[in-house]
Amino acid sequence: LCQAREMKKQLIDDFLSQNKFLMVARLTSQRLFQELCPVKKSHRQRKHCVVLLTGEGEKFAEAYEAFLTFAVANTKDTLKFVHIYSDRQPEFADALLMDEEKYHGRSAVVILERRNNAGKIAYKALEEAWQGSKEDNFILLDLLDQLRTDPGLLSSETIVADLNDELAPMFLIRWFYSTLDYISDCWDSLFHSNWREMMPLLSLLFSALFILFGTVIVQAFSDSSDTRDAPASGKEETGTKMEKNDASFSRESNSRIPKKGFVEVTELTDINYTSNLVRLRPGHMNVVLILSNSTKTPLLQKFALEVYTFTGSSSLHFSFLSLDKHREWLEYLLEFAQDAAPIPNQYDKHFLERDYTGYVLALNGHKKYFCLFKPHRSGDEGGTLGSCEDYDALQHVETRGKSSCSPGSKSIKNKLHKLSFWMERLLEGSLQRFYIPSWPTLD
């Protein structure tokens, strides 16, 4: 005890932080996974995790004990030995083991390295199930020795979802019981304590309730008075402007009323790409307009008018993508569009001149598919483009920049003609879907 008092607090904190985990800790949450298996920051700071995917019960006890013995004998700063219950984290296990039959009902060992915080990892799984035999130990030891000199040993890559928080229900139960104990103590003290001692607490409680309800009542009356005092002329002015902007607003139905008086369209960049597409919630879609610096203003104006009546749907998000910055990303996606927008080969002299402005893609990030809207072509029903503004001519004209009939603002807006009808079919689910294996990176 005397020696403990003489120890510096910093030494005690360092010791606790370095030894707060077991030798082979169990991954029970995403936070624990990130702390034990951090993302590599440089070539010299590689951190590898050796994960035992096993089950619960006596059947798997022998495999776990053998893995623990191996971890104790091979402690290194660059290695972390952990284990995980496959039945409690099924998505994590399926992403690494590919649901192969040889691992069913048996333990497996995987060496992995986290590449980024979005869930991308590089890994290598032992070819056979882990039984804890001497042969298994030699195979794993040989792989770890190779990993020191050959980082390319982790040849497989995948994206794993966040781990389930297995201790969350237990935390809620503990919180519930502690709340019940606190309420019980307050109840007992209320009836068994002196009333004079309870007066300050009761006074504070009633004061808080009075302030709370008073604020709500004042806010309710102020909102109602603002609504009554709003000038009718302003409402009429707003309605007139909306009618002038786009005649399609008259078709708006009561079942889909826009929640806002504007359309929120954000630029799709490498910063928000993961949250707005790759990790988009199930059932949600991002409708992306393709534009260039020269066509940005007219296309955004027309796009906002066409999709305004659909902003009442909370599952739709609207963005735009700069063709000048991310042409390669768009052309990679269009390769999966089954000749809807074929990509020219390297001998096509118009390869770098192909005009994709006005394209609209509805991207489903969760199910990895997209629907495609191509700009309106002249000659279609309801077309308004002249012969000089024909879309095919815009794609294949050899004297770009020299033509005496360059498309103006009106012809650029006409590219999004009938986009609202396409949006109706999108919500009906009747559009053709083009599936992709994975979303490419947006550099």
Protein backbone atom coordinates (compact mmCIF):
# COMPACT_ATOMS: atom_id res chain seq x y z
CA LEU A 1 0.00 0.00 0.00
CA CYS A 2 2.86 2.37 0.90
CA GLN A 3 4.59 1.61 -2.40
CA ALA A 4 1.36 2.19 -4.32
CA ARG A 5 1.01 5.63 -2.73
CA GLU A 6 4.54 6.56 -3.77
CA MET A 7 3.91 5.56 -7.41
CA LYS A 8 3.13 8.37 -9.79
CA LYS A 9 -0.40 8.58 -11.15
CA GLN A 10 0.89 8.60 -14.73
CA LEU A 11 2.60 5.24 -14.23
CA ILE A 12 -0.60 3.71 -12.85
CA ASP A 13 -2.67 5.09 -15.75
CA ASP A 14 -0.18 3.76 -18.30
CA PHE A 15 -0.23 0.32 -16.71
CA LEU A 16 -4.03 0.18 -16.68
CA SER A 17 -4.38 1.37 -20.28
CA GLN A 18 -1.86 -1.19 -21.52
CA ASN A 19 -3.42 -4.10 -19.64
CA LYS A 20 -7.13 -3.36 -19.76
CA PHE A 21 -7.80 -6.13 -22.33
CA LEU A 22 -7.43 -9.87 -21.96
CA MET A 23 -4.81 -11.73 -23.97
CA VAL A 24 -7.48 -12.97 -26.42
CA ALA A 25 -10.30 -10.49 -25.93
CA ARG A 26 -13.73 -11.09 -27.46
CA LEU A 27 -14.95 -8.52 -29.98
CA THR A 28 -18.36 -7.42 -28.74
CA SER A 29 -18.76 -4.02 -30.42
CA GLN A 30 -17.44 -1.86 -33.25
CA ARG A 31 -15.72 0.47 -30.77
CA LEU A 32 -13.74 -2.42 -29.30
CA PHE A 33 -12.84 -3.64 -32.80
CA GLN A 34 -11.50 -0.20 -33.74
CA GLU A 35 -9.45 0.04 -30.55
CA LEU A 36 -7.90 -3.42 -30.72
CA CYS A 37 -7.43 -3.42 -34.51
CA PRO A 38 -6.64 0.19 -35.50
CA VAL A 39 -6.43 1.38 -39.10
CA LYS A 40 -2.89 1.40 -40.46
CA LYS A 41 -1.54 4.97 -40.68
CA SER A 42 1.71 4.29 -42.50
CA HIS A 43 3.85 1.45 -43.80
CA ARG A 44 5.81 1.32 -40.54
CA GLN A 45 2.73 1.31 -38.33
CA ARG A 46 1.05 -1.86 -39.52
CA LYS A 47 -1.23 -3.51 -36.99
CA HIS A 48 -2.51 -6.99 -37.73
CA CYS A 49 -5.28 -8.82 -35.92
CA VAL A 50 -5.44 -12.60 -35.66
CA VAL A 51 -9.11 -13.42 -35.23
CA LEU A 52 -10.53 -16.74 -34.06
CA LEU A 53 -14.10 -17.14 -35.36
CA THR A 54 -15.62 -19.74 -33.08
CA GLY A 55 -18.80 -20.69 -31.27
CA GLU A 56 -20.01 -21.02 -27.70
CA GLY A 57 -20.06 -24.14 -25.57
CA GLU A 58 -17.86 -27.12 -24.70
CA LYS A 59 -17.65 -28.14 -28.34
CA PHE A 60 -15.39 -25.18 -29.13
CA ALA A 61 -13.51 -25.01 -25.81
CA GLU A 62 -10.52 -27.06 -27.00
CA ALA A 63 -9.99 -24.92 -30.11
CA TYR A 64 -10.17 -21.74 -28.02
CA GLU A 65 -7.68 -23.02 -25.42
CA ALA A 66 -5.21 -23.96 -28.15
CA PHE A 67 -5.58 -20.51 -29.73
CA LEU A 68 -5.03 -18.86 -26.33
CA THR A 69 -1.87 -20.91 -25.76
CA PHE A 70 -0.57 -19.87 -29.19
CA ALA A 71 -1.30 -16.18 -28.44
CA VAL A 72 0.56 -16.29 -25.10
CA ALA A 73 3.63 -17.76 -26.80
CA ASN A 74 3.63 -15.21 -29.66
CA THR A 75 3.01 -11.81 -28.08
CA LYS A 76 4.23 -8.96 -30.31
CA ASP A 77 3.46 -5.25 -30.51
CA THR A 78 2.28 -5.55 -34.11
CA LEU A 79 -0.11 -8.44 -33.44
CA LYS A 80 -3.40 -8.59 -31.57
CA PHE A 81 -5.10 -11.90 -30.86
CA VAL A 82 -8.88 -11.71 -30.50
CA HIS A 83 -11.85 -14.02 -30.87
CA ILE A 84 -15.45 -13.56 -31.91
CA TYR A 85 -18.64 -15.62 -31.74
CA SER A 86 -19.78 -16.25 -35.31
CA ASP A 87 -23.43 -16.71 -34.37
CA ARG A 88 -23.51 -13.31 -32.63
CA GLN A 89 -21.74 -11.50 -35.46
CA PRO A 90 -22.99 -13.41 -38.55
CA GLU A 91 -22.40 -10.58 -41.07
CA PHE A 92 -18.78 -10.24 -40.02
CA ALA A 93 -18.19 -14.01 -40.22
CA ASP A 94 -19.90 -14.39 -43.63
CA ALA A 95 -17.84 -11.54 -45.13
CA LEU A 96 -14.58 -13.28 -44.16
CA LEU A 97 -15.44 -16.98 -44.60
CA MET A 98 -17.77 -16.60 -47.61
CA ASP A 99 -20.18 -19.09 -45.98
CA GLU A 100 -17.99 -22.04 -47.02
CA GLU A 101 -19.20 -25.45 -45.87
CA LYS A 102 -15.82 -26.54 -44.47
CA TYR A 103 -16.16 -23.95 -41.70
CA HIS A 104 -19.75 -24.82 -40.72
CA GLY A 105 -19.92 -25.80 -37.07
CA ARG A 106 -16.13 -25.41 -36.70
CA SER A 107 -13.65 -22.71 -35.72
CA ALA A 108 -11.62 -20.68 -38.19
CA VAL A 109 -8.65 -18.30 -37.95
CA VAL A 110 -8.29 -15.15 -40.07
CA ILE A 111 -5.40 -12.67 -40.21
CA LEU A 112 -6.68 -9.19 -41.12
CA GLU A 113 -5.63 -5.58 -41.42
CA ARG A 114 -8.08 -2.65 -41.37
CA ARG A 115 -7.48 -0.29 -44.30
CA ASN A 116 -9.95 2.51 -43.52
CA ASN A 117 -12.80 3.47 -41.20
CA ALA A 118 -15.41 2.66 -43.86
CA GLY A 119 -15.02 -1.09 -43.22
CA LYS A 120 -12.47 -2.04 -45.89
CA ILE A 121 -10.07 -4.77 -44.72
CA ALA A 122 -7.40 -6.98 -46.25
CA TYR A 123 -7.28 -10.52 -44.91
CA LYS A 124 -6.20 -14.13 -45.32
CA ALA A 125 -8.00 -17.10 -43.79
CA LEU A 126 -6.38 -20.42 -42.92
CA GLU A 127 -7.36 -22.87 -45.63
CA GLU A 128 -8.60 -25.44 -43.14
CA ALA A 129 -10.70 -25.10 -40.00
CA TRP A 130 -8.82 -24.42 -36.75
CA GLN A 131 -8.64 -27.46 -34.45
CA GLY A 132 -5.68 -26.40 -32.33
CA SER A 133 -3.42 -29.24 -33.48
CA LYS A 134 0.36 -28.92 -33.81
CA GLU A 135 -0.02 -28.77 -37.57
CA ASP A 136 -2.44 -25.85 -37.24
CA ASN A 137 0.03 -24.05 -34.96
CA PHE A 138 2.89 -24.52 -37.43
CA ILE A 139 0.78 -23.27 -40.34
CA LEU A 140 -0.31 -20.15 -38.47
CA LEU A 141 3.22 -19.46 -37.22
CA ASP A 142 4.57 -19.78 -40.76
CA LEU A 143 1.98 -17.30 -42.10
CA LEU A 144 2.85 -14.77 -39.40
CA ASP A 145 6.56 -15.09 -40.22
CA GLN A 146 5.82 -14.48 -43.92
CA LEU A 147 3.66 -11.48 -43.03
CA ARG A 148 6.63 -9.69 -41.48
CA THR A 149 8.47 -9.57 -44.81
CA ASP A 150 5.58 -9.79 -47.28
CA PRO A 151 2.58 -7.50 -46.53
CA GLY A 152 1.04 -8.68 -49.81
CA LEU A 153 0.25 -11.99 -48.13
CA LEU A 154 -3.15 -10.54 -47.21
CA SER A 155 -4.38 -10.86 -50.79
CA SER A 156 -8.15 -10.85 -50.19
CA GLU A 157 -10.13 -7.66 -49.64
CA THR A 158 -13.70 -7.06 -48.52
CA ILE A 159 -15.92 -4.53 -46.77
CA VAL A 160 -17.42 -5.56 -43.44
CA ALA A 161 -20.36 -3.96 -41.71
CA ASP A 162 -20.09 -2.52 -38.21
CA LEU A 163 -20.17 -5.11 -35.45
CA ASN A 164 -23.31 -5.51 -33.37
CA ASP A 165 -23.09 -4.08 -29.86
CA GLU A 166 -23.64 -7.29 -27.89
CA LEU A 167 -23.58 -5.56 -24.49
CA ALA A 168 -26.19 -2.93 -25.37
CA PRO A 169 -29.18 -4.93 -24.01
CA MET A 170 -27.32 -5.63 -20.75
CA PHE A 171 -26.55 -1.92 -20.38
CA LEU A 172 -30.24 -1.07 -20.80
CA ILE A 173 -31.19 -3.62 -18.16
CA ARG A 174 -28.65 -2.22 -15.71
CA TRP A 175 -29.86 1.30 -16.42
CA PHE A 176 -33.48 0.23 -15.92
CA TYR A 177 -32.76 -1.40 -12.56
CA SER A 178 -30.70 1.56 -11.35
CA THR A 179 -33.55 3.89 -12.31
CA LEU A 180 -36.01 1.73 -10.35
CA ASP A 181 -33.71 1.81 -7.30
CA TYR A 182 -33.43 5.58 -7.50
CA ILE A 183 -37.21 6.02 -7.77
CA SER A 184 -37.71 3.65 -4.84
CA ASP A 185 -35.25 5.58 -2.69
CA CYS A 186 -36.96 8.86 -3.55
CA TRP A 187 -40.36 7.36 -2.70
CA ASP A 188 -39.16 6.06 0.65
CA SER A 189 -37.50 9.34 1.54
CA LEU A 190 -40.66 11.20 0.57
CA PHE A 191 -42.78 9.38 3.17
CA HIS A 192 -40.21 8.70 5.88
CA SER A 193 -38.28 11.98 5.94
CA ASN A 194 -39.11 15.30 7.52
CA TRP A 195 -41.27 17.46 5.25
CA ARG A 196 -39.17 20.49 6.02
CA GLU A 197 -36.11 18.73 4.65
CA MET A 198 -38.01 17.86 1.46
CA MET A 199 -39.31 21.38 0.81
CA PRO A 200 -36.23 22.65 -1.12
CA LEU A 201 -36.35 19.62 -3.43
CA LEU A 202 -40.10 19.96 -4.01
CA SER A 203 -39.75 23.67 -4.63
CA LEU A 204 -37.06 23.07 -7.22
CA LEU A 205 -39.18 20.38 -8.92
CA PHE A 206 -42.30 22.58 -9.18
CA SER A 207 -40.23 25.51 -10.45
CA ALA A 208 -38.78 23.38 -13.25
CA LEU A 209 -42.25 22.10 -14.23
CA PHE A 210 -43.67 25.64 -14.23
CA ILE A 211 -40.89 26.94 -16.48
CA LEU A 212 -41.25 23.97 -18.84
CA PHE A 213 -45.02 24.18 -19.30
CA GLY A 214 -44.94 27.97 -19.38
CA THR A 215 -42.46 27.93 -22.26
CA VAL A 216 -44.55 25.42 -24.21
CA ILE A 217 -47.76 27.43 -23.76
CA VAL A 218 -46.11 30.74 -24.76
CA GLN A 219 -44.56 29.12 -27.83
CA ALA A 220 -47.90 27.63 -28.88
CA PHE A 221 -49.70 31.00 -28.65
CA SER A 222 -46.92 32.81 -30.49
CA ASP A 223 -47.00 30.30 -33.37
CA SER A 224 -50.76 30.62 -33.76
CA SER A 225 -50.59 34.43 -33.76
CA ASP A 226 -47.84 34.43 -36.40
CA THR A 227 -50.01 32.26 -38.63
CA ARG A 228 -52.98 34.59 -38.28
CA ASP A 229 -50.93 37.74 -38.87
CA ALA A 230 -49.25 36.48 -42.04
CA PRO A 231 -50.41 38.71 -44.94
CA ALA A 232 -52.59 37.05 -47.53
CA SER A 233 -50.88 39.00 -50.30
CA GLY A 234 -47.59 37.24 -49.51
CA LYS A 235 -49.25 33.85 -49.90
CA GLU A 236 -50.76 34.89 -53.22
CA GLU A 237 -47.41 36.23 -54.39
CA THR A 238 -45.70 32.93 -53.53
CA GLY A 239 -48.36 30.91 -55.31
CA THR A 240 -48.03 33.09 -58.45
CA LYS A 241 -44.25 32.63 -58.53
CA MET A 242 -44.58 28.87 -58.21
CA GLU A 243 -47.02 28.74 -61.13
CA LYS A 244 -44.68 30.79 -63.29
CA ASN A 245 -41.68 28.62 -62.47
CA ASP A 246 -43.10 25.34 -63.72
CA ALA A 247 -46.52 24.26 -64.95
CA SER A 248 -45.92 20.75 -63.65
CA PHE A 249 -46.52 21.93 -60.08
CA SER A 250 -50.25 21.93 -60.85
CA ARG A 251 -50.06 18.13 -61.05
CA GLU A 252 -48.92 17.85 -57.43
CA SER A 253 -51.11 15.43 -55.50
CA ASN A 254 -52.15 15.59 -51.86
CA SER A 255 -50.39 12.27 -51.19
CA ARG A 256 -46.94 13.77 -51.84
CA ILE A 257 -46.66 17.34 -50.60
CA PRO A 258 -43.12 18.80 -50.52
CA LYS A 259 -41.91 19.37 -46.99
CA LYS A 260 -39.78 22.40 -47.93
CA GLY A 261 -40.13 25.38 -50.25
CA PHE A 262 -36.83 24.54 -51.95
CA VAL A 263 -34.85 21.58 -53.29
CA GLU A 264 -31.67 20.72 -51.39
CA VAL A 265 -29.08 19.55 -53.96
CA THR A 266 -25.59 18.82 -52.62
CA GLU A 267 -22.43 18.15 -54.61
CA LEU A 268 -21.26 14.53 -54.49
CA THR A 269 -17.56 14.62 -53.51
CA ASP A 270 -14.99 12.26 -52.05
CA ILE A 271 -15.75 13.73 -48.61
CA ASN A 272 -19.48 12.89 -48.47
CA TYR A 273 -19.37 9.97 -50.95
CA THR A 274 -19.41 7.28 -48.26
CA SER A 275 -22.28 8.75 -46.23
CA ASN A 276 -24.41 9.83 -49.21
CA LEU A 277 -24.05 6.64 -51.25
CA VAL A 278 -21.89 3.75 -50.02
CA ARG A 279 -23.40 3.70 -46.51
CA LEU A 280 -26.83 4.98 -47.53
CA ARG A 281 -29.62 3.49 -45.41
CA PRO A 282 -31.71 0.63 -46.91
CA GLY A 283 -34.67 1.90 -48.89
CA HIS A 284 -33.05 5.26 -49.61
CA MET A 285 -31.82 6.46 -53.02
CA ASN A 286 -29.61 9.32 -54.18
CA VAL A 287 -30.71 11.00 -57.43
CA VAL A 288 -27.54 12.46 -58.98
CA LEU A 289 -27.45 15.00 -61.84
CA ILE A 290 -24.36 14.97 -64.08
CA LEU A 291 -23.20 18.45 -65.10
CA SER A 292 -20.12 20.43 -66.09
CA ASN A 293 -18.85 23.83 -65.02
CA SER A 294 -20.32 25.49 -68.11
CA THR A 295 -23.79 23.90 -67.71
CA LYS A 296 -24.05 23.98 -63.92
CA THR A 297 -26.43 26.92 -63.47
CA PRO A 298 -29.10 26.11 -66.12
CA LEU A 299 -29.10 22.37 -65.40
CA LEU A 300 -29.45 22.85 -61.63
CA GLN A 301 -32.36 25.26 -62.15
CA LYS A 302 -34.21 22.85 -64.43
CA PHE A 303 -33.36 19.86 -62.21
CA ALA A 304 -34.81 21.60 -59.15
CA LEU A 305 -38.04 22.36 -61.01
CA GLU A 306 -38.42 18.79 -62.28
CA VAL A 307 -37.85 17.04 -58.93
CA TYR A 308 -39.52 19.60 -56.66
CA THR A 309 -42.76 17.63 -56.35
CA PHE A 310 -40.79 14.59 -55.14
CA THR A 311 -39.06 16.27 -52.21
CA GLY A 312 -41.88 15.11 -49.92
CA SER A 313 -40.32 11.63 -49.93
CA SER A 314 -37.82 11.28 -47.08
CA SER A 315 -36.16 8.33 -48.87
CA LEU A 316 -34.93 10.45 -51.80
CA HIS A 317 -31.76 12.54 -51.70
CA PHE A 318 -30.66 14.88 -54.48
CA SER A 319 -27.06 15.55 -55.52
CA PHE A 320 -25.02 16.66 -58.51
CA LEU A 321 -21.68 15.35 -59.83
CA SER A 322 -19.10 17.41 -61.70
CA LEU A 323 -18.17 15.76 -65.00
CA ASP A 324 -14.96 17.79 -65.12
CA LYS A 325 -13.75 16.17 -61.87
CA HIS A 326 -15.17 12.63 -61.88
CA ARG A 327 -15.56 11.50 -65.52
CA GLU A 328 -13.79 8.16 -64.91
CA TRP A 329 -16.19 7.27 -62.07
CA LEU A 330 -19.22 7.92 -64.29
CA GLU A 331 -17.85 5.96 -67.26
CA TYR A 332 -17.10 3.00 -64.98
CA LEU A 333 -20.76 2.93 -63.86
CA LEU A 334 -22.12 3.33 -67.37
CA GLU A 335 -20.25 0.20 -68.47
CA PHE A 336 -22.85 -1.79 -66.50
CA ALA A 337 -25.77 -0.09 -68.24
CA GLN A 338 -26.12 -2.82 -70.90
CA ASP A 339 -25.63 -0.61 -73.97
CA ALA A 340 -27.85 2.09 -72.48
CA ALA A 341 -24.80 4.35 -72.61
CA PRO A 342 -21.90 2.41 -74.16
CA ILE A 343 -18.38 3.57 -73.44
CA PRO A 344 -16.28 4.06 -76.62
CA ASN A 345 -13.06 2.16 -77.08
CA GLN A 346 -9.63 3.68 -77.04
CA TYR A 347 -9.64 4.18 -80.83
CA ASP A 348 -12.71 6.39 -80.73
CA LYS A 349 -11.48 9.89 -81.49
CA HIS A 350 -14.49 11.34 -79.66
CA PHE A 351 -13.65 9.50 -76.42
CA LEU A 352 -12.68 12.64 -74.48
CA GLU A 353 -15.44 14.71 -76.14
CA ARG A 354 -18.42 12.53 -75.22
CA ASP A 355 -21.00 14.71 -73.53
CA TYR A 356 -22.67 13.20 -70.44
CA THR A 357 -24.16 16.45 -69.10
CA GLY A 358 -27.83 16.04 -68.32
CA TYR A 359 -27.57 12.38 -67.37
CA VAL A 360 -29.39 11.52 -64.13
CA LEU A 361 -28.60 8.42 -62.06
CA ALA A 362 -30.76 7.08 -59.23
CA LEU A 363 -28.28 5.21 -57.02
CA ASN A 364 -29.32 2.61 -54.45
CA GLY A 365 -26.24 2.33 -52.23
CA HIS A 366 -27.47 -0.58 -50.10
CA LYS A 367 -28.53 -2.93 -52.95
CA LYS A 368 -25.77 -1.72 -55.34
CA TYR A 369 -27.80 -0.81 -58.41
CA PHE A 370 -28.71 2.32 -60.34
CA CYS A 371 -31.35 3.53 -62.80
CA LEU A 372 -30.37 5.75 -65.70
CA PHE A 373 -32.02 8.79 -67.31
CA LYS A 374 -30.51 9.97 -70.57
CA PRO A 375 -31.04 13.51 -71.93
CA HIS A 376 -34.02 14.04 -74.17
CA ARG A 377 -33.23 13.62 -77.89
CA SER A 378 -34.81 15.59 -80.69
CA GLY A 379 -37.51 13.75 -82.58
CA ASP A 380 -39.03 12.22 -79.43
CA GLU A 381 -42.59 12.99 -78.55
CA GLY A 382 -42.78 16.45 -77.05
CA GLY A 383 -39.22 17.28 -78.17
CA THR A 384 -38.25 20.92 -78.43
CA LEU A 385 -34.62 20.73 -79.63
CA GLY A 386 -33.84 22.07 -83.06
CA SER A 387 -31.68 20.38 -85.64
CA CYS A 388 -28.64 22.39 -84.61
CA GLU A 389 -29.18 21.30 -81.04
CA ASP A 390 -29.62 17.62 -81.71
CA TYR A 391 -28.09 15.55 -78.91
CA ASP A 392 -26.28 13.17 -81.24
CA ALA A 393 -24.68 16.13 -82.97
CA LEU A 394 -23.51 17.41 -79.61
CA GLN A 395 -21.83 14.06 -78.98
CA HIS A 396 -20.12 13.47 -82.32
CA VAL A 397 -19.49 16.89 -83.89
CA GLU A 398 -15.80 17.16 -84.92
CA THR A 399 -15.55 20.96 -84.77
CA ARG A 400 -16.47 21.50 -81.13
CA GLY A 401 -16.18 25.15 -80.18
CA LYS A 402 -16.31 26.25 -83.83
CA SER A 403 -19.96 25.55 -84.54
CA SER A 404 -22.07 28.63 -85.22
CA CYS A 405 -25.05 27.01 -83.50
CA SER A 406 -23.74 26.17 -80.00
CA PRO A 407 -26.41 25.10 -77.48
CA GLY A 408 -27.77 27.90 -75.36
CA SER A 409 -29.26 27.91 -71.91
CA LYS A 410 -32.66 26.86 -73.24
CA SER A 411 -31.32 23.84 -75.14
CA ILE A 412 -29.29 22.76 -72.09
CA LYS A 413 -32.42 22.85 -69.93
CA ASN A 414 -34.26 20.79 -72.55
CA LYS A 415 -31.91 17.92 -71.80
CA LEU A 416 -33.97 17.29 -68.64
CA HIS A 417 -37.28 17.30 -70.50
CA LYS A 418 -39.62 14.57 -69.13
CA LEU A 419 -37.40 13.98 -66.08
CA SER A 420 -40.47 14.28 -63.85
CA PHE A 421 -42.14 11.36 -65.70
CA TRP A 422 -38.96 9.33 -65.21
CA MET A 423 -39.10 10.14 -61.50
CA GLU A 424 -42.69 8.85 -61.39
CA ARG A 425 -41.56 5.52 -62.86
CA LEU A 426 -38.65 5.44 -60.41
CA LEU A 427 -41.02 5.61 -57.45
CA GLU A 428 -43.27 3.00 -59.06
CA GLY A 429 -40.28 0.64 -59.38
CA SER A 430 -40.84 0.09 -63.10
CA LEU A 431 -37.44 1.36 -64.32
CA GLN A 432 -34.69 -0.98 -65.48
CA ARG A 433 -32.02 -1.57 -62.84
CA PHE A 434 -28.32 -1.99 -63.53
CA TYR A 435 -26.46 -3.88 -60.80
CA ILE A 436 -22.75 -3.49 -59.98
CA PRO A 437 -20.47 -5.68 -57.84
CA SER A 438 -19.26 -2.77 -55.65
CA TRP A 439 -19.20 1.02 -55.69
CA PRO A 440 -15.96 2.42 -57.15
CA THR A 441 -13.96 4.99 -55.25
CA LEU A 442 -14.55 8.65 -56.00
CA ASP A 443 -11.10 10.23 -56.24
